Amino acid sequence: MQIAPLLQIGRGVTALIGGGGKTTLMYTLAEELKSRGKVIICTSTKIKLPEQYPTIFGASEDDVAAALAVNDVICVAEKSVEDKLCAPKLSFETLSQLAPYVIVEADGAKRLPLKAHAPHEPVIPAAAQRVVTVIGIDGIGKRIADTCHRSALYALLAGVSEDDTVTPEIAAKVINTEGWGDRIYINKVESAEAYDAAIVLAKQFTCPVISGSLHKGVYTCLH
């Protein structure tokens, strides 16, 4: 089973926000969607250079069109510091006119499974037709201070201490309080214990929730 239809990823701009797994989800969606049409991956923040796809820097519309003529998936970006890529010169709306699918990693989490958002985050493109919040289930059962990006803010939003343990209810409270995203993807659900936690977590949301493992390529619609 593929994850793109479960998340109802349509044509246009899709933004990925939240915790651990965004980059892997971006690559997974690109591989699934390329059979339907050309795909551009990019960021509104910072990402690492993808090794499996060509990256076009300083691209004009003609440059992007030429690259898509010979590649199913390309990355469009500008160079940043520390070998990272940042947002492309072209607008995300323009990119969506050049390719049917534009997948944007619109958040950073320092490779942690959970996060709270500072006032300048997430950087969701105005053209986004779908915003997927990614949650790493491996953050449940651990101290907020150890498993959450911006842990002090996370604890404040949850109304607890940074020394408290993340429960499904706490994770859901932070996400619901912030109010970003219209789909939830719970990643790294690879055991019965993780699945049980995902079920409890999913019950806290009103939007569609998908759980699964990007590593194993197995996904379940929880509601």
N, C-alpha and C. Protein backbone atom coordinates (compact mmCIF):
# COMPACT_ATOMS: atom_id res chain seq x y z
N MET A 1 0.83 -1.20 0.00
CA MET A 1 0.00 0.00 0.00
C MET A 1 0.87 1.25 0.00
N GLN A 2 0.44 2.26 -0.74
CA GLN A 2 1.18 3.52 -0.80
C GLN A 2 0.60 4.52 0.20
N ILE A 3 1.47 5.44 0.61
CA ILE A 3 1.04 6.42 1.60
C ILE A 3 0.41 7.67 0.98
N ALA A 4 0.80 7.99 -0.27
CA ALA A 4 0.27 9.21 -0.90
C ALA A 4 -1.26 9.23 -0.96
N PRO A 5 -1.92 8.15 -1.40
CA PRO A 5 -3.39 8.19 -1.42
C PRO A 5 -4.00 8.22 -0.02
N LEU A 6 -3.36 7.59 0.96
CA LEU A 6 -3.88 7.62 2.32
C LEU A 6 -3.86 9.04 2.89
N LEU A 7 -2.82 9.80 2.54
CA LEU A 7 -2.72 11.19 2.96
C LEU A 7 -3.47 12.13 2.02
N GLN A 8 -4.02 11.57 0.97
CA GLN A 8 -4.78 12.34 -0.02
C GLN A 8 -3.94 13.48 -0.60
N ILE A 9 -2.75 13.09 -1.07
CA ILE A 9 -1.85 14.06 -1.68
C ILE A 9 -2.30 14.32 -3.11
N GLY A 10 -2.74 15.53 -3.37
CA GLY A 10 -3.20 15.89 -4.70
C GLY A 10 -2.16 16.69 -5.45
N ARG A 11 -2.53 17.12 -6.62
CA ARG A 11 -1.64 17.96 -7.43
C ARG A 11 -1.47 19.31 -6.75
N GLY A 12 -0.31 19.88 -6.92
CA GLY A 12 -0.03 21.17 -6.31
C GLY A 12 1.03 21.05 -5.23
N VAL A 13 1.02 21.96 -4.28
CA VAL A 13 2.05 22.05 -3.24
C VAL A 13 1.60 21.32 -1.99
N THR A 14 2.45 20.41 -1.51
CA THR A 14 2.24 19.72 -0.24
C THR A 14 3.36 20.12 0.71
N ALA A 15 3.00 20.57 1.91
CA ALA A 15 4.00 20.95 2.92
C ALA A 15 4.08 19.89 4.00
N LEU A 16 5.29 19.57 4.42
CA LEU A 16 5.54 18.60 5.49
C LEU A 16 6.12 19.33 6.69
N ILE A 17 5.47 19.16 7.86
CA ILE A 17 5.93 19.84 9.06
C ILE A 17 6.01 18.83 10.21
N GLY A 18 6.55 19.27 11.37
CA GLY A 18 6.56 18.43 12.55
C GLY A 18 7.90 17.81 12.85
N GLY A 19 7.86 16.60 13.41
CA GLY A 19 9.06 15.95 13.92
C GLY A 19 9.71 14.98 12.96
N GLY A 20 10.38 13.98 13.52
CA GLY A 20 11.23 13.09 12.74
C GLY A 20 10.52 12.33 11.64
N GLY A 21 11.14 12.33 10.46
CA GLY A 21 10.60 11.57 9.34
C GLY A 21 10.18 12.39 8.14
N LYS A 22 10.29 13.73 8.23
CA LYS A 22 9.82 14.57 7.13
C LYS A 22 10.59 14.33 5.83
N THR A 23 11.91 14.27 5.92
CA THR A 23 12.71 14.09 4.71
C THR A 23 12.44 12.73 4.08
N THR A 24 12.37 11.70 4.90
CA THR A 24 12.07 10.37 4.37
C THR A 24 10.68 10.33 3.75
N LEU A 25 9.72 11.00 4.38
CA LEU A 25 8.38 11.07 3.81
C LEU A 25 8.41 11.82 2.48
N MET A 26 9.17 12.87 2.39
CA MET A 26 9.28 13.62 1.14
C MET A 26 9.80 12.73 0.02
N TYR A 27 10.86 11.97 0.31
CA TYR A 27 11.41 11.07 -0.71
C TYR A 27 10.42 9.96 -1.07
N THR A 28 9.73 9.43 -0.06
CA THR A 28 8.76 8.36 -0.31
C THR A 28 7.63 8.86 -1.20
N LEU A 29 7.12 10.05 -0.90
CA LEU A 29 6.06 10.62 -1.73
C LEU A 29 6.55 10.88 -3.15
N ALA A 30 7.78 11.35 -3.28
CA ALA A 30 8.33 11.61 -4.62
C ALA A 30 8.37 10.33 -5.44
N GLU A 31 8.81 9.25 -4.83
CA GLU A 31 8.90 7.98 -5.55
C GLU A 31 7.52 7.45 -5.93
N GLU A 32 6.53 7.65 -5.07
CA GLU A 32 5.18 7.19 -5.38
C GLU A 32 4.52 8.05 -6.44
N LEU A 33 4.70 9.36 -6.35
CA LEU A 33 3.99 10.28 -7.22
C LEU A 33 4.58 10.38 -8.62
N LYS A 34 5.85 10.00 -8.79
CA LYS A 34 6.48 10.18 -10.10
C LYS A 34 5.84 9.34 -11.19
N SER A 35 5.09 8.31 -10.82
CA SER A 35 4.37 7.53 -11.84
C SER A 35 3.14 8.28 -12.35
N ARG A 36 2.72 9.31 -11.62
CA ARG A 36 1.56 10.11 -12.01
C ARG A 36 1.94 11.40 -12.74
N GLY A 37 3.17 11.87 -12.47
CA GLY A 37 3.62 13.12 -13.08
C GLY A 37 4.94 13.56 -12.49
N LYS A 38 5.50 14.60 -13.04
CA LYS A 38 6.79 15.10 -12.58
C LYS A 38 6.68 15.65 -11.15
N VAL A 39 7.79 15.53 -10.41
CA VAL A 39 7.80 15.92 -9.01
C VAL A 39 8.99 16.85 -8.74
N ILE A 40 8.70 17.94 -8.03
CA ILE A 40 9.76 18.81 -7.53
C ILE A 40 9.78 18.71 -6.01
N ILE A 41 10.96 18.45 -5.44
CA ILE A 41 11.12 18.51 -3.99
C ILE A 41 11.94 19.74 -3.66
N CYS A 42 11.65 20.34 -2.51
CA CYS A 42 12.34 21.57 -2.12
C CYS A 42 12.09 21.84 -0.64
N THR A 43 12.52 22.98 -0.18
CA THR A 43 12.33 23.34 1.22
C THR A 43 12.01 24.82 1.35
N SER A 44 11.32 25.16 2.41
CA SER A 44 11.13 26.57 2.76
C SER A 44 12.02 26.94 3.94
N THR A 45 12.77 25.95 4.44
CA THR A 45 13.70 26.17 5.56
C THR A 45 15.10 25.73 5.12
N LYS A 46 15.55 24.56 5.60
CA LYS A 46 16.83 24.00 5.20
C LYS A 46 16.74 22.48 5.17
N ILE A 47 17.38 21.87 4.18
CA ILE A 47 17.48 20.42 4.07
C ILE A 47 18.87 20.06 3.59
N LYS A 48 19.19 18.78 3.72
CA LYS A 48 20.45 18.28 3.17
C LYS A 48 20.29 18.05 1.66
N LEU A 49 21.41 18.08 0.98
CA LEU A 49 21.41 17.81 -0.46
C LEU A 49 20.97 16.37 -0.71
N PRO A 50 19.92 16.15 -1.50
CA PRO A 50 19.51 14.77 -1.80
C PRO A 50 20.52 14.10 -2.74
N GLU A 51 20.91 12.89 -2.41
CA GLU A 51 21.89 12.19 -3.23
C GLU A 51 21.26 11.50 -4.43
N GLN A 52 19.97 11.17 -4.33
CA GLN A 52 19.34 10.37 -5.37
C GLN A 52 18.67 11.19 -6.48
N TYR A 53 18.60 12.51 -6.30
CA TYR A 53 17.95 13.35 -7.29
C TYR A 53 18.85 14.51 -7.69
N PRO A 54 18.79 14.94 -8.95
CA PRO A 54 19.56 16.12 -9.35
C PRO A 54 19.00 17.38 -8.68
N THR A 55 19.90 18.27 -8.28
CA THR A 55 19.49 19.53 -7.66
C THR A 55 19.85 20.68 -8.58
N ILE A 56 18.87 21.56 -8.80
CA ILE A 56 19.04 22.70 -9.69
C ILE A 56 19.16 23.95 -8.84
N PHE A 57 20.29 24.66 -8.94
CA PHE A 57 20.52 25.88 -8.17
C PHE A 57 20.32 27.11 -9.04
N GLY A 58 19.79 28.17 -8.42
CA GLY A 58 19.61 29.42 -9.15
C GLY A 58 18.75 29.26 -10.38
N ALA A 59 17.76 28.41 -10.29
CA ALA A 59 17.01 27.98 -11.47
C ALA A 59 16.02 29.03 -11.96
N SER A 60 15.98 29.18 -13.28
CA SER A 60 14.90 29.92 -13.93
C SER A 60 13.79 28.93 -14.28
N GLU A 61 12.67 29.42 -14.74
CA GLU A 61 11.59 28.53 -15.16
C GLU A 61 12.05 27.61 -16.29
N ASP A 62 12.83 28.16 -17.20
CA ASP A 62 13.35 27.34 -18.31
C ASP A 62 14.30 26.26 -17.80
N ASP A 63 15.11 26.58 -16.80
CA ASP A 63 16.03 25.60 -16.22
C ASP A 63 15.25 24.43 -15.61
N VAL A 64 14.21 24.75 -14.88
CA VAL A 64 13.40 23.71 -14.24
C VAL A 64 12.71 22.86 -15.29
N ALA A 65 12.14 23.50 -16.29
CA ALA A 65 11.45 22.76 -17.36
C ALA A 65 12.42 21.82 -18.08
N ALA A 66 13.63 22.30 -18.32
CA ALA A 66 14.62 21.47 -19.01
C ALA A 66 15.02 20.27 -18.15
N ALA A 67 15.20 20.49 -16.86
CA ALA A 67 15.58 19.39 -15.95
C ALA A 67 14.46 18.36 -15.84
N LEU A 68 13.21 18.84 -15.81
CA LEU A 68 12.07 17.92 -15.71
C LEU A 68 11.84 17.14 -17.00
N ALA A 69 12.34 17.66 -18.09
CA ALA A 69 12.18 16.96 -19.37
C ALA A 69 12.96 15.65 -19.39
N VAL A 70 14.01 15.56 -18.54
CA VAL A 70 14.86 14.36 -18.55
C VAL A 70 14.89 13.65 -17.20
N ASN A 71 14.17 14.19 -16.21
CA ASN A 71 14.12 13.57 -14.88
C ASN A 71 12.70 13.56 -14.36
N ASP A 72 12.32 12.49 -13.70
CA ASP A 72 10.98 12.42 -13.10
C ASP A 72 10.90 13.23 -11.82
N VAL A 73 12.01 13.31 -11.07
CA VAL A 73 12.06 14.03 -9.81
C VAL A 73 13.30 14.90 -9.78
N ILE A 74 13.14 16.16 -9.41
CA ILE A 74 14.29 17.04 -9.24
C ILE A 74 14.13 17.82 -7.92
N CYS A 75 15.23 18.30 -7.42
CA CYS A 75 15.23 19.20 -6.27
C CYS A 75 15.59 20.59 -6.78
N VAL A 76 14.82 21.59 -6.36
CA VAL A 76 15.11 22.98 -6.72
C VAL A 76 15.40 23.74 -5.44
N ALA A 77 16.57 24.37 -5.37
CA ALA A 77 16.98 24.99 -4.11
C ALA A 77 18.07 26.01 -4.35
N GLU A 78 18.46 26.68 -3.28
CA GLU A 78 19.63 27.53 -3.26
C GLU A 78 20.60 26.98 -2.22
N LYS A 79 21.86 27.30 -2.35
CA LYS A 79 22.86 26.83 -1.40
C LYS A 79 22.81 27.66 -0.13
N SER A 80 22.96 26.99 1.00
CA SER A 80 22.98 27.65 2.29
C SER A 80 24.30 27.33 2.98
N VAL A 81 24.37 27.58 4.27
CA VAL A 81 25.60 27.31 5.01
C VAL A 81 25.63 25.86 5.46
N GLU A 82 26.81 25.39 5.81
CA GLU A 82 27.00 24.06 6.37
C GLU A 82 26.46 22.96 5.45
N ASP A 83 26.69 23.11 4.16
CA ASP A 83 26.29 22.10 3.18
C ASP A 83 24.79 21.83 3.17
N LYS A 84 24.01 22.81 3.56
CA LYS A 84 22.56 22.68 3.53
C LYS A 84 21.98 23.44 2.34
N LEU A 85 20.75 23.10 2.00
CA LEU A 85 20.02 23.79 0.95
C LEU A 85 18.92 24.62 1.59
N CYS A 86 18.59 25.74 0.95
CA CYS A 86 17.50 26.57 1.44
C CYS A 86 16.48 26.79 0.33
N ALA A 87 15.52 27.66 0.56
CA ALA A 87 14.39 27.82 -0.35
C ALA A 87 14.83 28.25 -1.75
N PRO A 88 14.12 27.77 -2.77
CA PRO A 88 14.46 28.12 -4.14
C PRO A 88 14.19 29.59 -4.45
N LYS A 89 14.81 30.05 -5.51
CA LYS A 89 14.59 31.44 -5.96
C LYS A 89 13.19 31.61 -6.51
N LEU A 90 12.72 30.63 -7.23
CA LEU A 90 11.37 30.68 -7.79
C LEU A 90 10.34 30.45 -6.68
N SER A 91 9.18 31.05 -6.81
CA SER A 91 8.13 30.86 -5.81
C SER A 91 7.57 29.44 -5.89
N PHE A 92 6.99 28.99 -4.80
CA PHE A 92 6.40 27.65 -4.79
C PHE A 92 5.19 27.59 -5.73
N GLU A 93 4.49 28.70 -5.86
CA GLU A 93 3.37 28.75 -6.81
C GLU A 93 3.87 28.58 -8.24
N THR A 94 4.99 29.23 -8.56
CA THR A 94 5.57 29.07 -9.90
C THR A 94 6.01 27.63 -10.13
N LEU A 95 6.64 27.03 -9.12
CA LEU A 95 7.07 25.64 -9.25
C LEU A 95 5.88 24.72 -9.50
N SER A 96 4.75 25.01 -8.87
CA SER A 96 3.57 24.16 -9.05
C SER A 96 2.97 24.29 -10.44
N GLN A 97 3.36 25.34 -11.16
CA GLN A 97 2.93 25.49 -12.55
C GLN A 97 3.85 24.75 -13.51
N LEU A 98 5.03 24.35 -12.99
CA LEU A 98 6.02 23.66 -13.82
C LEU A 98 5.98 22.14 -13.63
N ALA A 99 5.44 21.69 -12.49
CA ALA A 99 5.33 20.25 -12.21
C ALA A 99 4.02 19.99 -11.48
N PRO A 100 3.39 18.84 -11.73
CA PRO A 100 2.12 18.54 -11.06
C PRO A 100 2.24 18.44 -9.55
N TYR A 101 3.42 17.98 -9.07
CA TYR A 101 3.58 17.75 -7.64
C TYR A 101 4.81 18.49 -7.12
N VAL A 102 4.60 19.28 -6.07
CA VAL A 102 5.70 19.99 -5.40
C VAL A 102 5.63 19.63 -3.92
N ILE A 103 6.67 18.97 -3.42
CA ILE A 103 6.73 18.54 -2.03
C ILE A 103 7.74 19.43 -1.30
N VAL A 104 7.27 20.12 -0.26
CA VAL A 104 8.10 21.10 0.45
C VAL A 104 8.32 20.65 1.89
N GLU A 105 9.58 20.48 2.28
CA GLU A 105 9.87 20.28 3.69
C GLU A 105 9.87 21.66 4.33
N ALA A 106 8.85 21.91 5.16
CA ALA A 106 8.57 23.27 5.62
C ALA A 106 8.85 23.47 7.10
N ASP A 107 9.72 22.65 7.66
CA ASP A 107 9.94 22.69 9.10
C ASP A 107 11.28 22.03 9.42
N GLY A 108 11.82 22.31 10.58
CA GLY A 108 13.03 21.65 11.06
C GLY A 108 12.83 21.17 12.48
N ALA A 109 13.42 20.02 12.82
CA ALA A 109 13.22 19.48 14.17
C ALA A 109 14.50 18.92 14.77
N LYS A 110 15.65 19.23 14.15
CA LYS A 110 16.94 18.76 14.67
C LYS A 110 16.97 17.24 14.83
N ARG A 111 16.25 16.56 13.94
CA ARG A 111 16.20 15.10 13.90
C ARG A 111 15.52 14.50 15.14
N LEU A 112 14.72 15.29 15.82
CA LEU A 112 13.97 14.81 16.98
C LEU A 112 12.55 14.45 16.55
N PRO A 113 11.91 13.52 17.27
CA PRO A 113 10.60 13.03 16.83
C PRO A 113 9.44 13.98 17.08
N LEU A 114 9.61 14.93 18.00
CA LEU A 114 8.53 15.84 18.37
C LEU A 114 9.08 17.26 18.44
N LYS A 115 8.18 18.24 18.26
CA LYS A 115 8.65 19.61 18.35
C LYS A 115 7.50 20.56 18.65
N ALA A 116 7.87 21.73 19.20
CA ALA A 116 6.98 22.87 19.30
C ALA A 116 7.51 23.93 18.34
N HIS A 117 6.63 24.83 17.92
CA HIS A 117 7.01 25.79 16.90
C HIS A 117 7.22 27.18 17.47
N ALA A 118 8.36 27.75 17.14
CA ALA A 118 8.63 29.15 17.46
C ALA A 118 7.73 30.03 16.59
N PRO A 119 7.62 31.34 16.91
CA PRO A 119 6.72 32.21 16.15
C PRO A 119 6.99 32.24 14.64
N HIS A 120 8.24 32.01 14.23
CA HIS A 120 8.56 32.06 12.80
C HIS A 120 8.38 30.71 12.11
N GLU A 121 7.88 29.72 12.83
CA GLU A 121 7.72 28.37 12.29
C GLU A 121 6.26 27.94 12.34
N PRO A 122 5.88 26.92 11.56
CA PRO A 122 6.58 26.40 10.39
C PRO A 122 6.45 27.38 9.22
N VAL A 123 7.26 27.18 8.19
CA VAL A 123 7.24 28.08 7.04
C VAL A 123 6.42 27.41 5.93
N ILE A 124 5.12 27.49 6.07
CA ILE A 124 4.21 26.82 5.14
C ILE A 124 3.94 27.72 3.94
N PRO A 125 4.21 27.25 2.73
CA PRO A 125 3.93 28.08 1.55
C PRO A 125 2.44 28.42 1.46
N ALA A 126 2.15 29.63 1.04
CA ALA A 126 0.76 30.06 0.90
C ALA A 126 0.01 29.19 -0.12
N ALA A 127 0.75 28.62 -1.06
CA ALA A 127 0.12 27.81 -2.12
C ALA A 127 -0.16 26.37 -1.69
N ALA A 128 0.20 26.00 -0.47
CA ALA A 128 0.04 24.60 -0.05
C ALA A 128 -1.42 24.17 -0.03
N GLN A 129 -1.72 23.05 -0.70
CA GLN A 129 -3.07 22.49 -0.70
C GLN A 129 -3.21 21.37 0.32
N ARG A 130 -2.10 20.93 0.89
CA ARG A 130 -2.10 19.89 1.92
C ARG A 130 -0.92 20.14 2.85
N VAL A 131 -1.18 20.06 4.17
CA VAL A 131 -0.13 20.24 5.17
C VAL A 131 -0.14 19.01 6.08
N VAL A 132 0.92 18.23 6.02
CA VAL A 132 1.01 16.98 6.78
C VAL A 132 1.93 17.19 7.98
N THR A 133 1.38 16.92 9.18
CA THR A 133 2.17 16.98 10.41
C THR A 133 2.73 15.59 10.71
N VAL A 134 4.04 15.49 10.81
CA VAL A 134 4.71 14.21 11.06
C VAL A 134 5.05 14.11 12.54
N ILE A 135 4.71 12.97 13.13
CA ILE A 135 5.01 12.68 14.53
C ILE A 135 5.83 11.40 14.60
N GLY A 136 6.93 11.41 15.33
CA GLY A 136 7.69 10.19 15.57
C GLY A 136 7.17 9.52 16.83
N ILE A 137 6.58 8.34 16.69
CA ILE A 137 6.00 7.67 17.86
C ILE A 137 7.08 7.30 18.88
N ASP A 138 8.34 7.27 18.44
CA ASP A 138 9.43 6.96 19.36
C ASP A 138 9.67 8.06 20.38
N GLY A 139 8.99 9.20 20.22
CA GLY A 139 9.09 10.25 21.22
C GLY A 139 8.18 10.03 22.42
N ILE A 140 7.18 9.17 22.23
CA ILE A 140 6.26 8.87 23.33
C ILE A 140 6.97 8.02 24.37
N GLY A 141 6.77 8.36 25.65
CA GLY A 141 7.39 7.60 26.72
C GLY A 141 8.76 8.10 27.12
N LYS A 142 9.21 9.20 26.53
CA LYS A 142 10.50 9.78 26.87
C LYS A 142 10.32 11.17 27.47
N ARG A 143 11.37 11.64 28.15
CA ARG A 143 11.31 12.98 28.74
C ARG A 143 11.21 14.03 27.66
N ILE A 144 10.39 15.05 27.92
CA ILE A 144 10.26 16.16 26.98
C ILE A 144 11.63 16.76 26.66
N ALA A 145 12.45 16.94 27.68
CA ALA A 145 13.77 17.55 27.49
C ALA A 145 14.66 16.74 26.55
N ASP A 146 14.43 15.43 26.46
CA ASP A 146 15.29 14.56 25.67
C ASP A 146 14.78 14.31 24.26
N THR A 147 13.49 14.52 24.03
CA THR A 147 12.91 14.03 22.78
C THR A 147 12.19 15.09 21.95
N CYS A 148 12.10 16.33 22.48
CA CYS A 148 11.34 17.38 21.80
C CYS A 148 12.23 18.56 21.40
N HIS A 149 12.14 18.96 20.16
CA HIS A 149 12.81 20.19 19.72
C HIS A 149 12.04 21.39 20.28
N ARG A 150 12.78 22.35 20.83
CA ARG A 150 12.19 23.49 21.54
C ARG A 150 11.41 22.96 22.75
N SER A 151 12.12 22.20 23.57
CA SER A 151 11.49 21.47 24.67
C SER A 151 10.82 22.39 25.69
N ALA A 152 11.42 23.55 25.97
CA ALA A 152 10.82 24.48 26.94
C ALA A 152 9.47 24.97 26.45
N LEU A 153 9.40 25.31 25.17
CA LEU A 153 8.13 25.76 24.59
C LEU A 153 7.14 24.61 24.53
N TYR A 154 7.62 23.42 24.21
CA TYR A 154 6.77 22.23 24.16
C TYR A 154 6.11 22.01 25.52
N ALA A 155 6.91 22.06 26.58
CA ALA A 155 6.38 21.87 27.93
C ALA A 155 5.38 22.96 28.30
N LEU A 156 5.67 24.19 27.90
CA LEU A 156 4.77 25.30 28.19
C LEU A 156 3.41 25.09 27.52
N LEU A 157 3.43 24.68 26.26
CA LEU A 157 2.18 24.44 25.53
C LEU A 157 1.39 23.28 26.14
N ALA A 158 2.11 22.29 26.65
CA ALA A 158 1.46 21.12 27.23
C ALA A 158 1.02 21.36 28.67
N GLY A 159 1.54 22.43 29.28
CA GLY A 159 1.21 22.71 30.67
C GLY A 159 1.89 21.78 31.65
N VAL A 160 3.10 21.33 31.29
CA VAL A 160 3.85 20.40 32.15
C VAL A 160 5.30 20.87 32.24
N SER A 161 6.15 20.03 32.85
CA SER A 161 7.58 20.34 32.99
C SER A 161 8.38 19.65 31.90
N GLU A 162 9.56 20.21 31.60
CA GLU A 162 10.46 19.55 30.64
C GLU A 162 10.91 18.18 31.14
N ASP A 163 10.82 17.94 32.44
CA ASP A 163 11.21 16.66 33.01
C ASP A 163 10.09 15.62 32.91
N ASP A 164 8.90 16.06 32.53
CA ASP A 164 7.79 15.11 32.41
C ASP A 164 7.94 14.23 31.18
N THR A 165 7.29 13.08 31.23
CA THR A 165 7.32 12.12 30.12
C THR A 165 6.22 12.45 29.12
N VAL A 166 6.57 12.35 27.84
CA VAL A 166 5.58 12.60 26.79
C VAL A 166 4.58 11.45 26.74
N THR A 167 3.31 11.75 26.86
CA THR A 167 2.24 10.78 26.67
C THR A 167 1.54 11.09 25.35
N PRO A 168 0.74 10.18 24.83
CA PRO A 168 -0.03 10.51 23.62
C PRO A 168 -0.89 11.75 23.81
N GLU A 169 -1.45 11.89 25.00
CA GLU A 169 -2.31 13.05 25.28
C GLU A 169 -1.52 14.36 25.24
N ILE A 170 -0.30 14.33 25.79
CA ILE A 170 0.55 15.53 25.77
C ILE A 170 0.94 15.87 24.34
N ALA A 171 1.36 14.88 23.56
CA ALA A 171 1.75 15.12 22.18
C ALA A 171 0.60 15.71 21.38
N ALA A 172 -0.59 15.17 21.58
CA ALA A 172 -1.76 15.66 20.86
C ALA A 172 -2.13 17.07 21.29
N LYS A 173 -2.00 17.36 22.60
CA LYS A 173 -2.35 18.69 23.09
C LYS A 173 -1.49 19.77 22.45
N VAL A 174 -0.19 19.50 22.31
CA VAL A 174 0.69 20.49 21.69
C VAL A 174 0.29 20.73 20.24
N ILE A 175 0.05 19.66 19.50
CA ILE A 175 -0.30 19.79 18.08
C ILE A 175 -1.65 20.49 17.92
N ASN A 176 -2.63 20.11 18.74
CA ASN A 176 -3.95 20.73 18.63
C ASN A 176 -3.93 22.19 19.07
N THR A 177 -3.09 22.52 20.06
CA THR A 177 -2.99 23.90 20.51
C THR A 177 -2.38 24.78 19.42
N GLU A 178 -1.37 24.25 18.74
CA GLU A 178 -0.73 25.04 17.68
C GLU A 178 -1.63 25.15 16.45
N GLY A 179 -2.34 24.09 16.13
CA GLY A 179 -3.33 24.16 15.06
C GLY A 179 -2.80 24.12 13.63
N TRP A 180 -1.58 23.62 13.45
CA TRP A 180 -1.04 23.50 12.09
C TRP A 180 -1.42 22.15 11.50
N GLY A 181 -1.53 22.10 10.18
CA GLY A 181 -1.70 20.82 9.49
C GLY A 181 -3.14 20.37 9.35
N ASP A 182 -3.41 19.63 8.27
CA ASP A 182 -4.73 19.06 8.03
C ASP A 182 -4.70 17.55 7.87
N ARG A 183 -3.52 16.97 8.01
CA ARG A 183 -3.35 15.52 8.04
C ARG A 183 -2.26 15.21 9.06
N ILE A 184 -2.38 14.07 9.73
CA ILE A 184 -1.37 13.63 10.68
C ILE A 184 -0.77 12.32 10.18
N TYR A 185 0.57 12.25 10.18
CA TYR A 185 1.23 10.98 9.90
C TYR A 185 2.09 10.62 11.11
N ILE A 186 1.78 9.46 11.72
CA ILE A 186 2.55 8.96 12.88
C ILE A 186 3.56 7.94 12.37
N ASN A 187 4.82 8.26 12.47
CA ASN A 187 5.88 7.44 11.88
C ASN A 187 6.53 6.52 12.92
N LYS A 188 7.25 5.53 12.42
CA LYS A 188 8.02 4.57 13.21
C LYS A 188 7.14 3.67 14.07
N VAL A 189 5.94 3.38 13.57
CA VAL A 189 5.05 2.46 14.26
C VAL A 189 5.42 1.05 13.79
N GLU A 190 6.30 0.39 14.55
CA GLU A 190 6.89 -0.87 14.11
C GLU A 190 6.77 -1.97 15.16
N SER A 191 5.90 -1.76 16.15
CA SER A 191 5.70 -2.77 17.19
C SER A 191 4.27 -2.66 17.70
N ALA A 192 3.83 -3.69 18.41
CA ALA A 192 2.48 -3.66 18.98
C ALA A 192 2.34 -2.53 19.98
N GLU A 193 3.38 -2.30 20.76
CA GLU A 193 3.35 -1.22 21.75
C GLU A 193 3.22 0.15 21.07
N ALA A 194 3.99 0.33 19.99
CA ALA A 194 3.93 1.59 19.25
C ALA A 194 2.56 1.77 18.60
N TYR A 195 1.99 0.68 18.09
CA TYR A 195 0.67 0.75 17.47
C TYR A 195 -0.38 1.15 18.49
N ASP A 196 -0.32 0.58 19.68
CA ASP A 196 -1.27 0.92 20.75
C ASP A 196 -1.18 2.40 21.10
N ALA A 197 0.06 2.91 21.17
CA ALA A 197 0.25 4.33 21.47
C ALA A 197 -0.30 5.20 20.34
N ALA A 198 -0.12 4.74 19.11
CA ALA A 198 -0.62 5.49 17.95
C ALA A 198 -2.15 5.55 17.96
N ILE A 199 -2.78 4.47 18.37
CA ILE A 199 -4.25 4.44 18.46
C ILE A 199 -4.74 5.48 19.46
N VAL A 200 -4.10 5.52 20.62
CA VAL A 200 -4.48 6.49 21.66
C VAL A 200 -4.25 7.91 21.14
N LEU A 201 -3.13 8.13 20.48
CA LEU A 201 -2.79 9.45 19.94
C LEU A 201 -3.80 9.87 18.88
N ALA A 202 -4.14 8.97 17.99
CA ALA A 202 -5.04 9.29 16.88
C ALA A 202 -6.41 9.74 17.36
N LYS A 203 -6.86 9.20 18.48
CA LYS A 203 -8.18 9.53 19.01
C LYS A 203 -8.29 10.99 19.44
N GLN A 204 -7.13 11.65 19.59
CA GLN A 204 -7.13 13.04 20.05
C GLN A 204 -7.31 14.03 18.91
N PHE A 205 -7.32 13.54 17.67
CA PHE A 205 -7.38 14.44 16.51
C PHE A 205 -8.71 14.30 15.77
N THR A 206 -9.13 15.38 15.13
CA THR A 206 -10.34 15.34 14.31
C THR A 206 -10.03 15.15 12.83
N CYS A 207 -8.80 15.46 12.42
CA CYS A 207 -8.43 15.29 11.01
C CYS A 207 -8.01 13.84 10.75
N PRO A 208 -7.92 13.42 9.48
CA PRO A 208 -7.46 12.07 9.16
C PRO A 208 -6.06 11.79 9.71
N VAL A 209 -5.87 10.58 10.24
CA VAL A 209 -4.59 10.18 10.84
C VAL A 209 -4.13 8.87 10.22
N ILE A 210 -2.89 8.86 9.73
CA ILE A 210 -2.26 7.67 9.17
C ILE A 210 -1.09 7.29 10.06
N SER A 211 -0.92 6.01 10.32
CA SER A 211 0.26 5.55 11.06
C SER A 211 1.01 4.54 10.21
N GLY A 212 2.26 4.32 10.56
CA GLY A 212 3.01 3.33 9.80
C GLY A 212 4.50 3.46 9.97
N SER A 213 5.22 2.84 9.05
CA SER A 213 6.67 2.84 9.06
C SER A 213 7.18 3.16 7.66
N LEU A 214 7.82 4.30 7.50
CA LEU A 214 8.41 4.63 6.21
C LEU A 214 9.53 3.66 5.88
N HIS A 215 10.22 3.18 6.92
CA HIS A 215 11.32 2.23 6.73
C HIS A 215 10.82 0.92 6.14
N LYS A 216 9.65 0.45 6.61
CA LYS A 216 9.11 -0.83 6.15
C LYS A 216 8.10 -0.68 5.03
N GLY A 217 7.64 0.53 4.79
CA GLY A 217 6.66 0.75 3.74
C GLY A 217 5.30 0.18 4.06
N VAL A 218 4.91 0.24 5.34
CA VAL A 218 3.62 -0.30 5.78
C VAL A 218 2.83 0.81 6.46
N TYR A 219 1.56 1.00 6.05
CA TYR A 219 0.78 2.11 6.55
C TYR A 219 -0.64 1.68 6.85
N THR A 220 -1.26 2.36 7.84
CA THR A 220 -2.62 2.07 8.25
C THR A 220 -3.37 3.37 8.46
N CYS A 221 -4.59 3.45 7.97
CA CYS A 221 -5.45 4.60 8.23
C CYS A 221 -6.14 4.39 9.57
N LEU A 222 -5.88 5.23 10.55
CA LEU A 222 -6.46 5.06 11.88
C LEU A 222 -7.83 5.74 11.97
N HIS A 223 -8.00 6.85 11.30
CA HIS A 223 -9.34 7.44 11.14
C HIS A 223 -9.26 8.60 10.17
